[in-house]
Every structure is written in C-alpha cells, then in structure tokens.
Amino acid sequence: DMLIRMRNLRQRKAFLPDDDWYGRCNSQKPRIVSLLLAGPRLTAIVSQRDYLSDSNDKIVIRVYDAENVPTGGGPLTLLGEQEIKGAYTSARSIGSKAISI
C-alpha cells in the first residue's frame, strides 16, 4: 500500500498554467450595481474590476428598450452602451435623466 502511494506521487506532474490563466483569475465577473427605470428605458449600470490593467475599475452603462419586452423570453433590445473608466459610487434617476457618480 505504501509503495503504491509513493509510485503515484512520483507519477504526478506539476501544474503549469498557460499565460491566459492569470488574466482569467484576476478579472472579476461583471456585476450589476444599479438598475434605473425611466419611462420606456431601463438603464443597467455594470461594474467590473480588472486587476491586471492600469485603470483597475470601469463601469458600463447600458440602456435597454423596456417598452417592447419580448414575450418569448428573449433579451431586451439594447439601445446604447457607454464604457467609463472609474469606480461606481451611486446612481439616481431624476425625471427622465439617469445620473451616475
């Protein structure tokens, strides 16, 4: 029994990750931090942190058409998207305008 375990230990190989492995581990999944509904538009504010880039934080603001929701379970229609460098603090909907800080 001891000889079998020692033989198995000798046969194991070291784990050497590929170059892309570090990027996959150091990137955080996108996270929805705020949803704002104003009339027929739904604004989703998504935050993401990338530990390997010079500018670690970014937010993506996505505006969807909430008036024509697909009945078959399909995705909402994306009307526009804007990526901004920086960290998310808060967001408010004032009238028909969405303000993110």
N, C-alpha and C. Protein backbone atom coordinates (compact mmCIF):
# COMPACT_ATOMS: atom_id res chain seq x y z
N ASP A 1 0.83 -1.19 0.00
CA ASP A 1 0.00 0.00 0.00
C ASP A 1 0.88 1.26 0.00
N MET A 2 1.92 1.25 0.81
CA MET A 2 2.83 2.39 0.88
C MET A 2 3.60 2.55 -0.43
N LEU A 3 3.99 1.44 -1.06
CA LEU A 3 4.71 1.50 -2.33
C LEU A 3 3.82 2.07 -3.44
N ILE A 4 2.56 1.72 -3.42
CA ILE A 4 1.64 2.23 -4.44
C ILE A 4 1.48 3.74 -4.30
N ARG A 5 1.35 4.23 -3.06
CA ARG A 5 1.22 5.67 -2.84
C ARG A 5 2.47 6.41 -3.28
N MET A 6 3.65 5.86 -2.98
CA MET A 6 4.90 6.51 -3.37
C MET A 6 5.03 6.54 -4.89
N ARG A 7 4.64 5.46 -5.56
CA ARG A 7 4.69 5.41 -7.02
C ARG A 7 3.74 6.44 -7.64
N ASN A 8 2.55 6.58 -7.06
CA ASN A 8 1.59 7.57 -7.56
C ASN A 8 2.12 8.99 -7.38
N LEU A 9 2.81 9.26 -6.29
CA LEU A 9 3.38 10.58 -6.07
C LEU A 9 4.44 10.90 -7.10
N ARG A 10 5.25 9.93 -7.47
CA ARG A 10 6.30 10.15 -8.47
C ARG A 10 5.73 10.39 -9.86
N GLN A 11 4.55 9.83 -10.14
CA GLN A 11 3.95 9.95 -11.47
C GLN A 11 3.18 11.25 -11.66
N ARG A 12 2.92 11.97 -10.60
CA ARG A 12 2.18 13.23 -10.73
C ARG A 12 3.05 14.28 -11.41
N LYS A 13 2.40 15.11 -12.20
CA LYS A 13 3.11 16.17 -12.90
C LYS A 13 2.73 17.51 -12.29
N ALA A 14 3.66 18.45 -12.36
CA ALA A 14 3.40 19.79 -11.84
C ALA A 14 2.41 20.52 -12.73
N PHE A 15 1.60 21.35 -12.12
CA PHE A 15 0.64 22.15 -12.86
C PHE A 15 1.30 23.44 -13.31
N LEU A 16 1.38 23.65 -14.61
CA LEU A 16 1.95 24.87 -15.16
C LEU A 16 0.86 25.57 -15.97
N PRO A 17 0.30 26.66 -15.43
CA PRO A 17 -0.78 27.33 -16.14
C PRO A 17 -0.29 28.05 -17.38
N ASP A 18 -1.18 28.17 -18.37
CA ASP A 18 -0.82 28.94 -19.56
C ASP A 18 -0.86 30.43 -19.24
N ASP A 19 -0.38 31.26 -20.15
CA ASP A 19 -0.29 32.70 -19.91
C ASP A 19 -1.65 33.33 -19.67
N ASP A 20 -2.68 32.87 -20.34
CA ASP A 20 -4.01 33.46 -20.21
C ASP A 20 -4.67 33.12 -18.89
N TRP A 21 -4.18 32.10 -18.20
CA TRP A 21 -4.76 31.66 -16.94
C TRP A 21 -4.74 32.78 -15.90
N TYR A 22 -3.67 33.55 -15.85
CA TYR A 22 -3.57 34.62 -14.86
C TYR A 22 -4.62 35.70 -15.13
N GLY A 23 -4.86 36.03 -16.38
CA GLY A 23 -5.87 37.02 -16.73
C GLY A 23 -7.27 36.57 -16.35
N ARG A 24 -7.57 35.29 -16.53
CA ARG A 24 -8.89 34.78 -16.19
C ARG A 24 -9.12 34.79 -14.69
N CYS A 25 -8.07 34.59 -13.90
CA CYS A 25 -8.22 34.55 -12.45
C CYS A 25 -8.25 35.95 -11.84
N ASN A 26 -7.64 36.91 -12.48
CA ASN A 26 -7.54 38.24 -11.90
C ASN A 26 -8.62 39.19 -12.39
N SER A 27 -9.49 38.73 -13.24
CA SER A 27 -10.58 39.55 -13.74
C SER A 27 -11.84 39.18 -12.99
N GLN A 28 -12.54 40.17 -12.50
CA GLN A 28 -13.77 39.94 -11.76
C GLN A 28 -14.94 39.87 -12.74
N LYS A 29 -15.92 39.04 -12.45
CA LYS A 29 -17.10 38.98 -13.30
C LYS A 29 -17.84 40.31 -13.25
N PRO A 30 -18.44 40.72 -14.37
CA PRO A 30 -19.24 41.94 -14.35
C PRO A 30 -20.37 41.81 -13.32
N ARG A 31 -20.68 42.92 -12.65
CA ARG A 31 -21.69 42.90 -11.59
C ARG A 31 -22.65 44.07 -11.79
N ILE A 32 -23.93 43.79 -11.85
CA ILE A 32 -24.92 44.86 -11.96
C ILE A 32 -25.00 45.56 -10.62
N VAL A 33 -24.71 46.88 -10.61
CA VAL A 33 -24.71 47.64 -9.37
C VAL A 33 -25.94 48.55 -9.25
N SER A 34 -26.61 48.80 -10.37
CA SER A 34 -27.79 49.64 -10.31
C SER A 34 -28.67 49.41 -11.54
N LEU A 35 -29.99 49.49 -11.33
CA LEU A 35 -30.98 49.45 -12.41
C LEU A 35 -31.88 50.67 -12.24
N LEU A 36 -32.04 51.43 -13.31
CA LEU A 36 -32.88 52.63 -13.28
C LEU A 36 -33.93 52.52 -14.38
N LEU A 37 -35.19 52.71 -14.01
CA LEU A 37 -36.27 52.65 -14.99
C LEU A 37 -36.88 54.04 -15.12
N ALA A 38 -36.82 54.58 -16.31
CA ALA A 38 -37.40 55.90 -16.59
C ALA A 38 -38.20 55.79 -17.88
N GLY A 39 -39.53 55.80 -17.75
CA GLY A 39 -40.39 55.67 -18.92
C GLY A 39 -40.14 54.36 -19.63
N PRO A 40 -39.89 54.42 -20.94
CA PRO A 40 -39.71 53.18 -21.70
C PRO A 40 -38.26 52.68 -21.72
N ARG A 41 -37.40 53.24 -20.88
CA ARG A 41 -35.98 52.85 -20.91
C ARG A 41 -35.51 52.31 -19.58
N LEU A 42 -34.79 51.20 -19.66
CA LEU A 42 -34.16 50.60 -18.48
C LEU A 42 -32.66 50.79 -18.61
N THR A 43 -32.06 51.42 -17.60
CA THR A 43 -30.62 51.64 -17.61
C THR A 43 -29.97 50.69 -16.61
N ALA A 44 -29.03 49.90 -17.09
CA ALA A 44 -28.28 48.97 -16.24
C ALA A 44 -26.86 49.50 -16.10
N ILE A 45 -26.39 49.64 -14.87
CA ILE A 45 -25.02 50.09 -14.62
C ILE A 45 -24.26 48.87 -14.11
N VAL A 46 -23.21 48.52 -14.86
CA VAL A 46 -22.44 47.31 -14.59
C VAL A 46 -21.02 47.70 -14.20
N SER A 47 -20.53 47.14 -13.12
CA SER A 47 -19.18 47.43 -12.63
C SER A 47 -18.28 46.23 -12.84
N GLN A 48 -17.03 46.50 -13.22
CA GLN A 48 -16.06 45.42 -13.40
C GLN A 48 -14.69 45.90 -12.99
N ARG A 49 -13.94 45.03 -12.32
CA ARG A 49 -12.58 45.35 -11.90
C ARG A 49 -11.62 44.38 -12.59
N ASP A 50 -10.57 44.94 -13.18
CA ASP A 50 -9.54 44.14 -13.84
C ASP A 50 -8.23 44.43 -13.13
N TYR A 51 -7.72 43.46 -12.39
CA TYR A 51 -6.54 43.68 -11.58
C TYR A 51 -5.24 43.79 -12.38
N LEU A 52 -5.27 43.39 -13.64
CA LEU A 52 -4.04 43.42 -14.44
C LEU A 52 -3.87 44.70 -15.25
N SER A 53 -4.93 45.49 -15.39
CA SER A 53 -4.81 46.69 -16.22
C SER A 53 -4.37 47.89 -15.37
N ASP A 54 -3.95 48.94 -16.04
CA ASP A 54 -3.51 50.15 -15.34
C ASP A 54 -4.68 50.84 -14.65
N SER A 55 -5.80 50.91 -15.33
CA SER A 55 -7.00 51.50 -14.71
C SER A 55 -7.87 50.35 -14.25
N ASN A 56 -7.84 50.09 -12.96
CA ASN A 56 -8.47 48.88 -12.42
C ASN A 56 -9.98 48.85 -12.54
N ASP A 57 -10.65 49.98 -12.38
CA ASP A 57 -12.10 49.98 -12.34
C ASP A 57 -12.70 50.56 -13.61
N LYS A 58 -13.84 50.00 -14.00
CA LYS A 58 -14.60 50.57 -15.09
C LYS A 58 -16.06 50.25 -14.87
N ILE A 59 -16.92 51.13 -15.37
CA ILE A 59 -18.35 50.86 -15.35
C ILE A 59 -18.85 50.93 -16.79
N VAL A 60 -19.87 50.14 -17.05
CA VAL A 60 -20.51 50.14 -18.36
C VAL A 60 -21.97 50.47 -18.13
N ILE A 61 -22.44 51.49 -18.85
CA ILE A 61 -23.84 51.90 -18.75
C ILE A 61 -24.54 51.39 -20.00
N ARG A 62 -25.58 50.59 -19.80
CA ARG A 62 -26.33 50.01 -20.92
C ARG A 62 -27.79 50.47 -20.82
N VAL A 63 -28.31 50.94 -21.92
CA VAL A 63 -29.71 51.40 -21.96
C VAL A 63 -30.50 50.44 -22.84
N TYR A 64 -31.59 49.92 -22.29
CA TYR A 64 -32.44 48.94 -22.99
C TYR A 64 -33.83 49.51 -23.21
N ASP A 65 -34.49 49.03 -24.24
CA ASP A 65 -35.89 49.36 -24.52
C ASP A 65 -36.76 48.49 -23.63
N ALA A 66 -37.44 49.12 -22.65
CA ALA A 66 -38.29 48.37 -21.73
C ALA A 66 -39.76 48.43 -22.14
N GLU A 67 -40.05 49.13 -23.23
CA GLU A 67 -41.42 49.25 -23.70
C GLU A 67 -41.85 48.01 -24.50
N ASN A 68 -40.93 47.50 -25.31
CA ASN A 68 -41.23 46.34 -26.16
C ASN A 68 -40.51 45.10 -25.62
N VAL A 69 -41.04 44.56 -24.53
CA VAL A 69 -40.44 43.39 -23.89
C VAL A 69 -40.84 42.15 -24.67
N PRO A 70 -39.86 41.33 -25.11
CA PRO A 70 -40.20 40.11 -25.85
C PRO A 70 -40.99 39.14 -24.98
N THR A 71 -42.05 38.58 -25.53
CA THR A 71 -42.88 37.65 -24.76
C THR A 71 -42.31 36.24 -24.73
N GLY A 72 -41.39 35.93 -25.63
CA GLY A 72 -40.82 34.59 -25.70
C GLY A 72 -39.61 34.37 -24.79
N GLY A 73 -39.33 35.33 -23.92
CA GLY A 73 -38.19 35.17 -23.01
C GLY A 73 -36.87 35.62 -23.60
N GLY A 74 -36.89 36.28 -24.75
CA GLY A 74 -35.66 36.77 -25.37
C GLY A 74 -35.13 38.01 -24.67
N PRO A 75 -33.94 38.44 -25.05
CA PRO A 75 -33.32 39.60 -24.39
C PRO A 75 -33.99 40.91 -24.81
N LEU A 76 -33.86 41.91 -23.95
CA LEU A 76 -34.34 43.25 -24.28
C LEU A 76 -33.48 43.84 -25.39
N THR A 77 -34.02 44.79 -26.12
CA THR A 77 -33.27 45.45 -27.19
C THR A 77 -32.31 46.47 -26.58
N LEU A 78 -31.04 46.34 -26.88
CA LEU A 78 -30.02 47.27 -26.39
C LEU A 78 -30.05 48.51 -27.26
N LEU A 79 -30.30 49.69 -26.64
CA LEU A 79 -30.36 50.94 -27.37
C LEU A 79 -29.00 51.65 -27.42
N GLY A 80 -28.20 51.48 -26.38
CA GLY A 80 -26.90 52.14 -26.35
C GLY A 80 -26.05 51.63 -25.20
N GLU A 81 -24.75 51.85 -25.34
CA GLU A 81 -23.79 51.36 -24.32
C GLU A 81 -22.62 52.33 -24.26
N GLN A 82 -22.16 52.63 -23.03
CA GLN A 82 -21.02 53.53 -22.85
C GLN A 82 -20.13 52.98 -21.74
N GLU A 83 -18.83 52.86 -22.01
CA GLU A 83 -17.87 52.39 -21.01
C GLU A 83 -17.14 53.60 -20.43
N ILE A 84 -17.03 53.63 -19.10
CA ILE A 84 -16.39 54.75 -18.41
C ILE A 84 -15.35 54.20 -17.45
N LYS A 85 -14.14 54.77 -17.48
CA LYS A 85 -13.11 54.39 -16.51
C LYS A 85 -13.44 55.01 -15.17
N GLY A 86 -13.30 54.24 -14.12
CA GLY A 86 -13.57 54.74 -12.78
C GLY A 86 -14.43 53.77 -12.00
N ALA A 87 -14.65 54.10 -10.75
CA ALA A 87 -15.41 53.23 -9.84
C ALA A 87 -16.82 53.76 -9.66
N TYR A 88 -17.76 52.87 -9.44
CA TYR A 88 -19.16 53.22 -9.21
C TYR A 88 -19.34 53.62 -7.75
N THR A 89 -20.06 54.72 -7.53
CA THR A 89 -20.42 55.14 -6.17
C THR A 89 -21.93 55.04 -5.97
N SER A 90 -22.69 55.74 -6.82
CA SER A 90 -24.14 55.67 -6.72
C SER A 90 -24.77 56.16 -8.01
N ALA A 91 -26.07 55.93 -8.14
CA ALA A 91 -26.81 56.38 -9.32
C ALA A 91 -28.22 56.76 -8.89
N ARG A 92 -28.78 57.75 -9.56
CA ARG A 92 -30.12 58.23 -9.28
C ARG A 92 -30.83 58.52 -10.60
N SER A 93 -32.12 58.39 -10.57
CA SER A 93 -32.94 58.77 -11.71
C SER A 93 -33.70 60.02 -11.30
N ILE A 94 -33.45 61.12 -12.02
CA ILE A 94 -34.13 62.38 -11.74
C ILE A 94 -34.91 62.76 -12.99
N GLY A 95 -36.22 62.65 -12.90
CA GLY A 95 -37.05 62.88 -14.08
C GLY A 95 -36.75 61.83 -15.12
N SER A 96 -36.41 62.29 -16.31
CA SER A 96 -36.08 61.36 -17.40
C SER A 96 -34.59 61.16 -17.55
N LYS A 97 -33.78 61.67 -16.62
CA LYS A 97 -32.32 61.58 -16.70
C LYS A 97 -31.77 60.62 -15.65
N ALA A 98 -30.78 59.84 -16.04
CA ALA A 98 -30.08 58.95 -15.12
C ALA A 98 -28.73 59.57 -14.81
N ILE A 99 -28.40 59.69 -13.53
CA ILE A 99 -27.13 60.30 -13.11
C ILE A 99 -26.35 59.26 -12.33
N SER A 100 -25.11 59.04 -12.77
CA SER A 100 -24.22 58.07 -12.09
C SER A 100 -23.00 58.79 -11.57
N ILE A 101 -22.60 58.44 -10.35
CA ILE A 101 -21.42 59.05 -9.72
C ILE A 101 -20.39 57.98 -9.48
